[in-house]
Amino acid sequence: MAGVEETVYDFSASLPDGRAVNLVEFRDQVLLIVNTASRCGFTPQYASLEQLYRAYKERGFAVLGFPCNQFGAQEPGTAKEIGAFCERNYGVSFPIFAKIDVNGAETHPLYRFLKAGKPGIFGSQRIKWNFTKFLVDRSGRVVGRYAPAKDPKELAPAIESLLGGS
């Protein structure tokens, strides 16, 4: 349809048990979408991501984690192993989806959308490493892209701004 802008709600993704989740389930929420890995130098960011999730989930905020094994083979585990690791080591309670590709021919459609919505430095759409973060507003538009080294806690002001007075 002409004039209808694609949003994050037009996509679905699988949970580790294979169940597909239509992202429309997160309509009207502010989202932080992150490609994750369990054996990365940035893995401790799970703790900050969980803190943000717990601090803002009642106001309409969610973190969505997408494990990816494309960077240094730092996410080799099965879906069950990844989920257990996140819960055991970081108390993760936000949704962790099934492992996906974020670059290349098999890039998950959600990541094609995110990268097109907020290209990186010099217009590159390629994800450079684990824990690249995309901030999505309540209308499903990508409004921010953050480098892996950016501590999720530093995103609190942007999240607060998008949450508004809710």
C-alpha atoms as a PDB file:
ATOM      1  CA  MET A   1       0.000   0.000   0.000  1.00  0.00           C
ATOM      2  CA  ALA A   2       1.377   3.366  -0.970  1.00  0.00           C
ATOM      3  CA  GLY A   3       2.097   5.743   1.862  1.00  0.00           C
ATOM      4  CA  VAL A   4       2.097   3.131   4.629  1.00  0.00           C
ATOM      5  CA  GLU A   5       5.389   3.166   6.479  1.00  0.00           C
ATOM      6  CA  GLU A   6       6.821  -0.139   7.665  1.00  0.00           C
ATOM      7  CA  THR A   7       7.305  -0.426  11.428  1.00  0.00           C
ATOM      8  CA  VAL A   8       8.827  -2.925  13.817  1.00  0.00           C
ATOM      9  CA  TYR A   9       5.308  -4.287  14.322  1.00  0.00           C
ATOM     10  CA  ASP A  10       5.331  -5.700  10.790  1.00  0.00           C
ATOM     11  CA  PHE A  11       7.793  -8.422  11.834  1.00  0.00           C
ATOM     12  CA  SER A  12       7.795 -11.609  13.826  1.00  0.00           C
ATOM     13  CA  ALA A  13      10.572 -13.626  15.434  1.00  0.00           C
ATOM     14  CA  SER A  14      10.857 -17.051  16.988  1.00  0.00           C
ATOM     15  CA  LEU A  15      11.376 -17.780  20.643  1.00  0.00           C
ATOM     16  CA  PRO A  16      13.877 -20.496  21.604  1.00  0.00           C
ATOM     17  CA  ASP A  17      11.029 -23.051  21.757  1.00  0.00           C
ATOM     18  CA  GLY A  18      10.194 -22.298  18.119  1.00  0.00           C
ATOM     19  CA  ARG A  19       7.005 -20.354  18.833  1.00  0.00           C
ATOM     20  CA  ALA A  20       6.681 -17.333  16.555  1.00  0.00           C
ATOM     21  CA  VAL A  21       5.976 -13.999  18.219  1.00  0.00           C
ATOM     22  CA  ASN A  22       4.430 -11.227  16.163  1.00  0.00           C
ATOM     23  CA  LEU A  23       6.098  -8.024  17.357  1.00  0.00           C
ATOM     24  CA  VAL A  24       2.702  -6.331  17.259  1.00  0.00           C
ATOM     25  CA  GLU A  25       2.501  -7.808  20.779  1.00  0.00           C
ATOM     26  CA  PHE A  26       4.828  -4.936  21.750  1.00  0.00           C
ATOM     27  CA  ARG A  27       2.707  -2.212  20.113  1.00  0.00           C
ATOM     28  CA  ASP A  28       2.817   1.157  21.891  1.00  0.00           C
ATOM     29  CA  GLN A  29       5.947   0.177  23.835  1.00  0.00           C
ATOM     30  CA  VAL A  30       9.407   1.682  23.658  1.00  0.00           C
ATOM     31  CA  LEU A  31      11.785  -1.093  22.634  1.00  0.00           C
ATOM     32  CA  LEU A  32      15.513  -1.638  22.956  1.00  0.00           C
ATOM     33  CA  ILE A  33      16.504  -4.386  20.510  1.00  0.00           C
ATOM     34  CA  VAL A  34      19.956  -5.898  20.999  1.00  0.00           C
ATOM     35  CA  ASN A  35      21.974  -8.629  19.286  1.00  0.00           C
ATOM     36  CA  THR A  36      23.561 -10.567  22.136  1.00  0.00           C
ATOM     37  CA  ALA A  37      26.233 -13.178  22.842  1.00  0.00           C
ATOM     38  CA  SER A  38      27.186 -15.146  25.946  1.00  0.00           C
ATOM     39  CA  ARG A  39      30.959 -15.215  25.433  1.00  0.00           C
ATOM     40  CA  CYS A  40      31.661 -11.612  24.510  1.00  0.00           C
ATOM     41  CA  GLY A  41      33.523  -8.889  26.348  1.00  0.00           C
ATOM     42  CA  PHE A  42      30.231  -6.966  26.344  1.00  0.00           C
ATOM     43  CA  THR A  43      28.215  -9.862  27.834  1.00  0.00           C
ATOM     44  CA  PRO A  44      28.090  -8.140  31.271  1.00  0.00           C
ATOM     45  CA  GLN A  45      25.759  -5.607  29.583  1.00  0.00           C
ATOM     46  CA  TYR A  46      23.010  -8.151  30.207  1.00  0.00           C
ATOM     47  CA  ALA A  47      22.974  -6.800  33.788  1.00  0.00           C
ATOM     48  CA  SER A  48      22.428  -3.195  32.629  1.00  0.00           C
ATOM     49  CA  LEU A  49      19.814  -4.288  30.093  1.00  0.00           C
ATOM     50  CA  GLU A  50      17.937  -6.123  32.840  1.00  0.00           C
ATOM     51  CA  GLN A  51      18.153  -3.058  35.138  1.00  0.00           C
ATOM     52  CA  LEU A  52      16.632  -0.875  32.410  1.00  0.00           C
ATOM     53  CA  TYR A  53      13.924  -3.431  31.738  1.00  0.00           C
ATOM     54  CA  ARG A  54      12.946  -3.679  35.390  1.00  0.00           C
ATOM     55  CA  ALA A  55      13.067   0.096  35.877  1.00  0.00           C
ATOM     56  CA  TYR A  56      10.798   0.944  32.928  1.00  0.00           C
ATOM     57  CA  LYS A  57       8.702  -2.103  31.998  1.00  0.00           C
ATOM     58  CA  GLU A  58       5.674  -0.848  33.950  1.00  0.00           C
ATOM     59  CA  ARG A  59       5.798   2.343  31.868  1.00  0.00           C
ATOM     60  CA  GLY A  60       5.709   0.490  28.546  1.00  0.00           C
ATOM     61  CA  PHE A  61       9.341  -0.440  27.872  1.00  0.00           C
ATOM     62  CA  ALA A  62      10.781  -3.760  26.760  1.00  0.00           C
ATOM     63  CA  VAL A  63      14.218  -5.127  25.914  1.00  0.00           C
ATOM     64  CA  LEU A  64      14.309  -7.761  23.179  1.00  0.00           C
ATOM     65  CA  GLY A  65      17.455  -9.888  22.997  1.00  0.00           C
ATOM     66  CA  PHE A  66      18.515 -11.636  19.799  1.00  0.00           C
ATOM     67  CA  PRO A  67      21.429 -14.038  20.246  1.00  0.00           C
ATOM     68  CA  CYS A  68      23.806 -14.091  17.289  1.00  0.00           C
ATOM     69  CA  ASN A  69      26.854 -16.267  16.612  1.00  0.00           C
ATOM     70  CA  GLN A  70      28.275 -14.207  13.727  1.00  0.00           C
ATOM     71  CA  PHE A  71      30.981 -12.370  15.677  1.00  0.00           C
ATOM     72  CA  GLY A  72      33.896 -14.496  16.819  1.00  0.00           C
ATOM     73  CA  ALA A  73      31.560 -17.491  17.359  1.00  0.00           C
ATOM     74  CA  GLN A  74      30.748 -15.991  20.769  1.00  0.00           C
ATOM     75  CA  GLU A  75      27.235 -17.499  20.948  1.00  0.00           C
ATOM     76  CA  PRO A  76      27.751 -21.196  20.174  1.00  0.00           C
ATOM     77  CA  GLY A  77      25.178 -22.636  22.580  1.00  0.00           C
ATOM     78  CA  THR A  78      21.747 -24.063  21.982  1.00  0.00           C
ATOM     79  CA  ALA A  79      18.668 -21.967  22.664  1.00  0.00           C
ATOM     80  CA  LYS A  80      18.180 -23.768  25.974  1.00  0.00           C
ATOM     81  CA  GLU A  81      21.813 -23.160  27.004  1.00  0.00           C
ATOM     82  CA  ILE A  82      21.621 -19.476  26.071  1.00  0.00           C
ATOM     83  CA  GLY A  83      18.418 -18.954  28.052  1.00  0.00           C
ATOM     84  CA  ALA A  84      19.788 -20.763  31.094  1.00  0.00           C
ATOM     85  CA  PHE A  85      23.032 -18.756  30.946  1.00  0.00           C
ATOM     86  CA  CYS A  86      21.184 -15.419  30.785  1.00  0.00           C
ATOM     87  CA  GLU A  87      18.872 -16.280  33.656  1.00  0.00           C
ATOM     88  CA  ARG A  88      21.518 -17.887  35.867  1.00  0.00           C
ATOM     89  CA  ASN A  89      24.252 -15.270  35.426  1.00  0.00           C
ATOM     90  CA  TYR A  90      22.299 -12.045  34.924  1.00  0.00           C
ATOM     91  CA  GLY A  91      18.729 -12.714  36.112  1.00  0.00           C
ATOM     92  CA  VAL A  92      17.439 -11.867  32.642  1.00  0.00           C
ATOM     93  CA  SER A  93      13.643 -11.703  32.568  1.00  0.00           C
ATOM     94  CA  PHE A  94      13.186  -9.819  29.280  1.00  0.00           C
ATOM     95  CA  PRO A  95      12.470 -11.854  26.130  1.00  0.00           C
ATOM     96  CA  ILE A  96      15.419 -13.669  24.569  1.00  0.00           C
ATOM     97  CA  PHE A  97      14.584 -14.886  21.085  1.00  0.00           C
ATOM     98  CA  ALA A  98      16.038 -17.731  19.023  1.00  0.00           C
ATOM     99  CA  LYS A  99      19.495 -17.252  17.555  1.00  0.00           C
ATOM    100  CA  ILE A 100      19.519 -15.247  14.301  1.00  0.00           C
ATOM    101  CA  ASP A 101      21.885 -13.734  11.731  1.00  0.00           C
ATOM    102  CA  VAL A 102      22.140  -9.938  11.704  1.00  0.00           C
ATOM    103  CA  ASN A 103      24.392  -9.660   8.623  1.00  0.00           C
ATOM    104  CA  GLY A 104      24.717 -11.450   5.309  1.00  0.00           C
ATOM    105  CA  ALA A 105      22.349 -13.347   3.073  1.00  0.00           C
ATOM    106  CA  GLU A 106      20.451 -14.883   6.004  1.00  0.00           C
ATOM    107  CA  THR A 107      19.897 -11.622   7.893  1.00  0.00           C
ATOM    108  CA  HIS A 108      16.657 -11.778   9.851  1.00  0.00           C
ATOM    109  CA  PRO A 109      14.042  -9.461   8.249  1.00  0.00           C
ATOM    110  CA  LEU A 110      13.710  -7.493  11.509  1.00  0.00           C
ATOM    111  CA  TYR A 111      17.408  -6.659  11.360  1.00  0.00           C
ATOM    112  CA  ARG A 112      17.171  -5.633   7.706  1.00  0.00           C
ATOM    113  CA  PHE A 113      14.497  -3.160   8.832  1.00  0.00           C
ATOM    114  CA  LEU A 114      16.463  -1.913  11.857  1.00  0.00           C
ATOM    115  CA  LYS A 115      19.685  -1.396   9.895  1.00  0.00           C
ATOM    116  CA  ALA A 116      17.873   0.436   7.087  1.00  0.00           C
ATOM    117  CA  GLY A 117      16.101   2.624   9.656  1.00  0.00           C
ATOM    118  CA  LYS A 118      19.303   3.687  11.398  1.00  0.00           C
ATOM    119  CA  PRO A 119      22.455   3.017   9.403  1.00  0.00           C
ATOM    120  CA  GLY A 120      25.767   3.128  11.217  1.00  0.00           C
ATOM    121  CA  ILE A 121      28.795   5.326  10.636  1.00  0.00           C
ATOM    122  CA  PHE A 122      29.185   6.511   7.043  1.00  0.00           C
ATOM    123  CA  GLY A 123      25.799   4.980   6.183  1.00  0.00           C
ATOM    124  CA  SER A 124      26.939   1.407   6.716  1.00  0.00           C
ATOM    125  CA  GLN A 125      24.098  -0.957   7.498  1.00  0.00           C
ATOM    126  CA  ARG A 126      26.394  -3.742   8.669  1.00  0.00           C
ATOM    127  CA  ILE A 127      26.279  -4.663  12.360  1.00  0.00           C
ATOM    128  CA  LYS A 128      29.870  -4.409  13.588  1.00  0.00           C
ATOM    129  CA  TRP A 129      29.718  -6.595  16.718  1.00  0.00           C
ATOM    130  CA  ASN A 130      27.594  -8.084  19.487  1.00  0.00           C
ATOM    131  CA  PHE A 131      25.464  -5.774  21.625  1.00  0.00           C
ATOM    132  CA  THR A 132      24.643  -3.217  18.943  1.00  0.00           C
ATOM    133  CA  LYS A 133      21.472  -1.569  20.252  1.00  0.00           C
ATOM    134  CA  PHE A 134      18.453  -0.138  18.432  1.00  0.00           C
ATOM    135  CA  LEU A 135      15.962   2.114  20.207  1.00  0.00           C
ATOM    136  CA  VAL A 136      12.411   2.030  18.828  1.00  0.00           C
ATOM    137  CA  ASP A 137       9.677   4.524  19.732  1.00  0.00           C
ATOM    138  CA  ARG A 138       6.062   3.714  20.624  1.00  0.00           C
ATOM    139  CA  SER A 139       5.002   3.990  16.990  1.00  0.00           C
ATOM    140  CA  GLY A 140       7.475   1.293  15.921  1.00  0.00           C
ATOM    141  CA  ARG A 141      10.050   3.576  14.264  1.00  0.00           C
ATOM    142  CA  VAL A 142      13.795   3.186  14.815  1.00  0.00           C
ATOM    143  CA  VAL A 143      15.007   6.361  16.528  1.00  0.00           C
ATOM    144  CA  GLY A 144      18.487   5.391  17.727  1.00  0.00           C
ATOM    145  CA  ARG A 145      21.390   3.075  17.020  1.00  0.00           C
ATOM    146  CA  TYR A 146      24.120   2.602  19.603  1.00  0.00           C
ATOM    147  CA  ALA A 147      27.545   0.996  19.404  1.00  0.00           C
ATOM    148  CA  PRO A 148      28.371  -2.191  21.312  1.00  0.00           C
ATOM    149  CA  ALA A 149      30.592  -0.318  23.779  1.00  0.00           C
ATOM    150  CA  LYS A 150      27.753   2.037  24.801  1.00  0.00           C
ATOM    151  CA  ASP A 151      26.614   1.002  28.278  1.00  0.00           C
ATOM    152  CA  PRO A 152      22.843   0.471  28.200  1.00  0.00           C
ATOM    153  CA  LYS A 153      22.507   2.555  31.394  1.00  0.00           C
ATOM    154  CA  GLU A 154      23.599   5.586  29.348  1.00  0.00           C
ATOM    155  CA  LEU A 155      20.426   5.193  27.275  1.00  0.00           C
ATOM    156  CA  ALA A 156      18.155   5.927  30.237  1.00  0.00           C
ATOM    157  CA  PRO A 157      17.612   9.624  29.309  1.00  0.00           C
ATOM    158  CA  ALA A 158      16.598   8.699  25.747  1.00  0.00           C
ATOM    159  CA  ILE A 159      14.281   5.972  27.033  1.00  0.00           C
ATOM    160  CA  GLU A 160      12.743   8.377  29.586  1.00  0.00           C
ATOM    161  CA  SER A 161      12.158  10.914  26.845  1.00  0.00           C
ATOM    162  CA  LEU A 162      10.366   8.358  24.647  1.00  0.00           C
ATOM    163  CA  LEU A 163       8.288   7.059  27.556  1.00  0.00           C
ATOM    164  CA  GLY A 164       7.106  10.582  28.322  1.00  0.00           C
ATOM    165  CA  GLY A 165       4.685  11.108  31.166  1.00  0.00           C
ATOM    166  CA  SER A 166       3.159   7.648  30.956  1.00  0.00           C
END
